[in-house]
Amino acid sequence: MLSWLGMRKSKKTGRQFFRNVQKRTVTFVLLTSLAALSGVKSLLTYLIPTSYLEDPIVAALPGVVGVLVAMVYVLVIERLFIDEADNTSR
C-alpha cells in the first residue's frame, strides 16, 4: 500500500535489541545510562569556564557529549549481554 514511500511488508526481521534479557535488567541499564548522561553533562559543565558557556555552541557541548556517552554505554552493555547469552546457549 505504501510502496511508493519505500515501505513494504517484509518477512525479514533484524536482530532484536536486548534479546533474551529480562525487563528488570534493561530498565537498570537504561537508568544507569541516564545517570551517566547526567554525570558527564554535570562534569563538563563544571569543567568548562562560565565565560565560555555564553556561546550557544559551547553551551550545547555537555549535553551532546553526555548523550553520546549514554548511547555508547547502552550499545556496549547490550552487546555484552548478547555475547553472554550466545555463549551460554552453546
C-alpha atoms as a PDB file:
ATOM      1  CA  MET A   1       0.000   0.000   0.000  1.00  0.00           C
ATOM      2  CA  LEU A   2       2.768   2.435   0.868  1.00  0.00           C
ATOM      3  CA  SER A   3       5.302   1.067  -1.594  1.00  0.00           C
ATOM      4  CA  TRP A   4       5.665   4.488  -3.195  1.00  0.00           C
ATOM      5  CA  LEU A   5       7.235   5.617   0.115  1.00  0.00           C
ATOM      6  CA  GLY A   6       9.590   2.677   0.091  1.00  0.00           C
ATOM      7  CA  MET A   7       7.654   0.895   2.838  1.00  0.00           C
ATOM      8  CA  ARG A   8       6.952  -2.740   2.098  1.00  0.00           C
ATOM      9  CA  LYS A   9       5.859  -5.660   4.169  1.00  0.00           C
ATOM     10  CA  SER A  10       8.829  -7.854   4.679  1.00  0.00           C
ATOM     11  CA  LYS A  11       9.168 -11.170   6.428  1.00  0.00           C
ATOM     12  CA  LYS A  12      12.816 -10.495   7.178  1.00  0.00           C
ATOM     13  CA  THR A  13      13.400  -9.333  10.749  1.00  0.00           C
ATOM     14  CA  GLY A  14      16.624  -7.952  12.107  1.00  0.00           C
ATOM     15  CA  ARG A  15      18.329  -8.728  15.366  1.00  0.00           C
ATOM     16  CA  GLN A  16      16.186  -7.749  18.318  1.00  0.00           C
ATOM     17  CA  PHE A  17      17.634  -5.151  20.674  1.00  0.00           C
ATOM     18  CA  PHE A  18      18.277  -6.619  24.157  1.00  0.00           C
ATOM     19  CA  ARG A  19      17.030 -10.039  23.106  1.00  0.00           C
ATOM     20  CA  ASN A  20      16.788 -12.686  25.850  1.00  0.00           C
ATOM     21  CA  VAL A  21      17.380 -10.125  28.615  1.00  0.00           C
ATOM     22  CA  GLN A  22      14.963  -9.568  31.495  1.00  0.00           C
ATOM     23  CA  LYS A  23      12.989  -6.331  31.589  1.00  0.00           C
ATOM     24  CA  ARG A  24      14.432  -5.514  35.001  1.00  0.00           C
ATOM     25  CA  THR A  25      17.957  -5.661  33.577  1.00  0.00           C
ATOM     26  CA  VAL A  26      17.028  -3.488  30.599  1.00  0.00           C
ATOM     27  CA  THR A  27      15.435  -0.952  32.938  1.00  0.00           C
ATOM     28  CA  PHE A  28      18.558  -0.924  35.098  1.00  0.00           C
ATOM     29  CA  VAL A  29      20.809  -0.394  32.061  1.00  0.00           C
ATOM     30  CA  LEU A  30      18.666   2.478  30.785  1.00  0.00           C
ATOM     31  CA  LEU A  31      18.536   4.128  34.215  1.00  0.00           C
ATOM     32  CA  THR A  32      22.300   3.859  34.622  1.00  0.00           C
ATOM     33  CA  SER A  33      22.724   5.350  31.148  1.00  0.00           C
ATOM     34  CA  LEU A  34      20.630   8.325  32.280  1.00  0.00           C
ATOM     35  CA  ALA A  35      22.868   8.630  35.337  1.00  0.00           C
ATOM     36  CA  ALA A  36      25.938   8.527  33.061  1.00  0.00           C
ATOM     37  CA  LEU A  37      24.404  11.199  30.830  1.00  0.00           C
ATOM     38  CA  SER A  38      23.691  13.424  33.805  1.00  0.00           C
ATOM     39  CA  GLY A  39      27.129  12.819  35.294  1.00  0.00           C
ATOM     40  CA  VAL A  40      29.002  13.629  32.081  1.00  0.00           C
ATOM     41  CA  LYS A  41      26.869  16.704  31.494  1.00  0.00           C
ATOM     42  CA  SER A  42      27.447  17.959  35.048  1.00  0.00           C
ATOM     43  CA  LEU A  43      31.175  17.225  34.873  1.00  0.00           C
ATOM     44  CA  LEU A  44      31.634  19.070  31.597  1.00  0.00           C
ATOM     45  CA  THR A  45      29.510  21.986  32.801  1.00  0.00           C
ATOM     46  CA  TYR A  46      31.736  22.176  35.885  1.00  0.00           C
ATOM     47  CA  LEU A  47      34.989  21.923  33.889  1.00  0.00           C
ATOM     48  CA  ILE A  48      34.107  24.438  31.158  1.00  0.00           C
ATOM     49  CA  PRO A  49      34.573  28.016  32.368  1.00  0.00           C
ATOM     50  CA  THR A  50      31.357  30.014  32.667  1.00  0.00           C
ATOM     51  CA  SER A  51      32.542  32.664  30.249  1.00  0.00           C
ATOM     52  CA  TYR A  52      32.714  30.017  27.502  1.00  0.00           C
ATOM     53  CA  LEU A  53      29.189  28.821  28.299  1.00  0.00           C
ATOM     54  CA  GLU A  54      27.867  32.147  26.989  1.00  0.00           C
ATOM     55  CA  ASP A  55      28.452  30.825  23.463  1.00  0.00           C
ATOM     56  CA  PRO A  56      25.450  28.701  22.355  1.00  0.00           C
ATOM     57  CA  ILE A  57      27.599  26.091  20.604  1.00  0.00           C
ATOM     58  CA  VAL A  58      29.848  25.544  23.612  1.00  0.00           C
ATOM     59  CA  ALA A  59      26.828  25.554  25.917  1.00  0.00           C
ATOM     60  CA  ALA A  60      25.344  22.630  23.957  1.00  0.00           C
ATOM     61  CA  LEU A  61      28.521  20.526  24.110  1.00  0.00           C
ATOM     62  CA  PRO A  62      27.998  18.997  27.589  1.00  0.00           C
ATOM     63  CA  GLY A  63      24.555  17.721  26.649  1.00  0.00           C
ATOM     64  CA  VAL A  64      25.678  16.381  23.281  1.00  0.00           C
ATOM     65  CA  VAL A  65      28.697  14.615  24.751  1.00  0.00           C
ATOM     66  CA  GLY A  66      26.514  13.230  27.542  1.00  0.00           C
ATOM     67  CA  VAL A  67      24.047  11.787  25.049  1.00  0.00           C
ATOM     68  CA  LEU A  68      26.858  10.236  23.004  1.00  0.00           C
ATOM     69  CA  VAL A  69      28.395   8.651  26.114  1.00  0.00           C
ATOM     70  CA  ALA A  70      24.998   7.262  27.163  1.00  0.00           C
ATOM     71  CA  MET A  71      24.388   5.814  23.684  1.00  0.00           C
ATOM     72  CA  VAL A  72      27.796   4.144  23.556  1.00  0.00           C
ATOM     73  CA  TYR A  73      27.242   2.792  27.078  1.00  0.00           C
ATOM     74  CA  VAL A  74      23.890   1.230  26.132  1.00  0.00           C
ATOM     75  CA  LEU A  75      25.259  -0.256  22.907  1.00  0.00           C
ATOM     76  CA  VAL A  76      28.302  -1.763  24.632  1.00  0.00           C
ATOM     77  CA  ILE A  77      26.272  -3.224  27.506  1.00  0.00           C
ATOM     78  CA  GLU A  78      23.701  -4.624  25.057  1.00  0.00           C
ATOM     79  CA  ARG A  79      26.455  -6.243  23.020  1.00  0.00           C
ATOM     80  CA  LEU A  80      27.962  -7.780  26.161  1.00  0.00           C
ATOM     81  CA  PHE A  81      24.583  -9.239  27.136  1.00  0.00           C
ATOM     82  CA  ILE A  82      24.049 -10.676  23.654  1.00  0.00           C
ATOM     83  CA  ASP A  83      27.522 -12.232  23.610  1.00  0.00           C
ATOM     84  CA  GLU A  84      26.982 -13.696  27.067  1.00  0.00           C
ATOM     85  CA  ALA A  85      23.614 -15.133  26.025  1.00  0.00           C
ATOM     86  CA  ASP A  86      25.149 -16.649  22.897  1.00  0.00           C
ATOM     87  CA  ASN A  87      27.969 -18.237  24.922  1.00  0.00           C
ATOM     88  CA  THR A  88      25.598 -19.754  27.471  1.00  0.00           C
ATOM     89  CA  SER A  89      23.297 -21.168  24.789  1.00  0.00           C
ATOM     90  CA  ARG A  90      26.135 -23.136  23.175  1.00  0.00           C
END
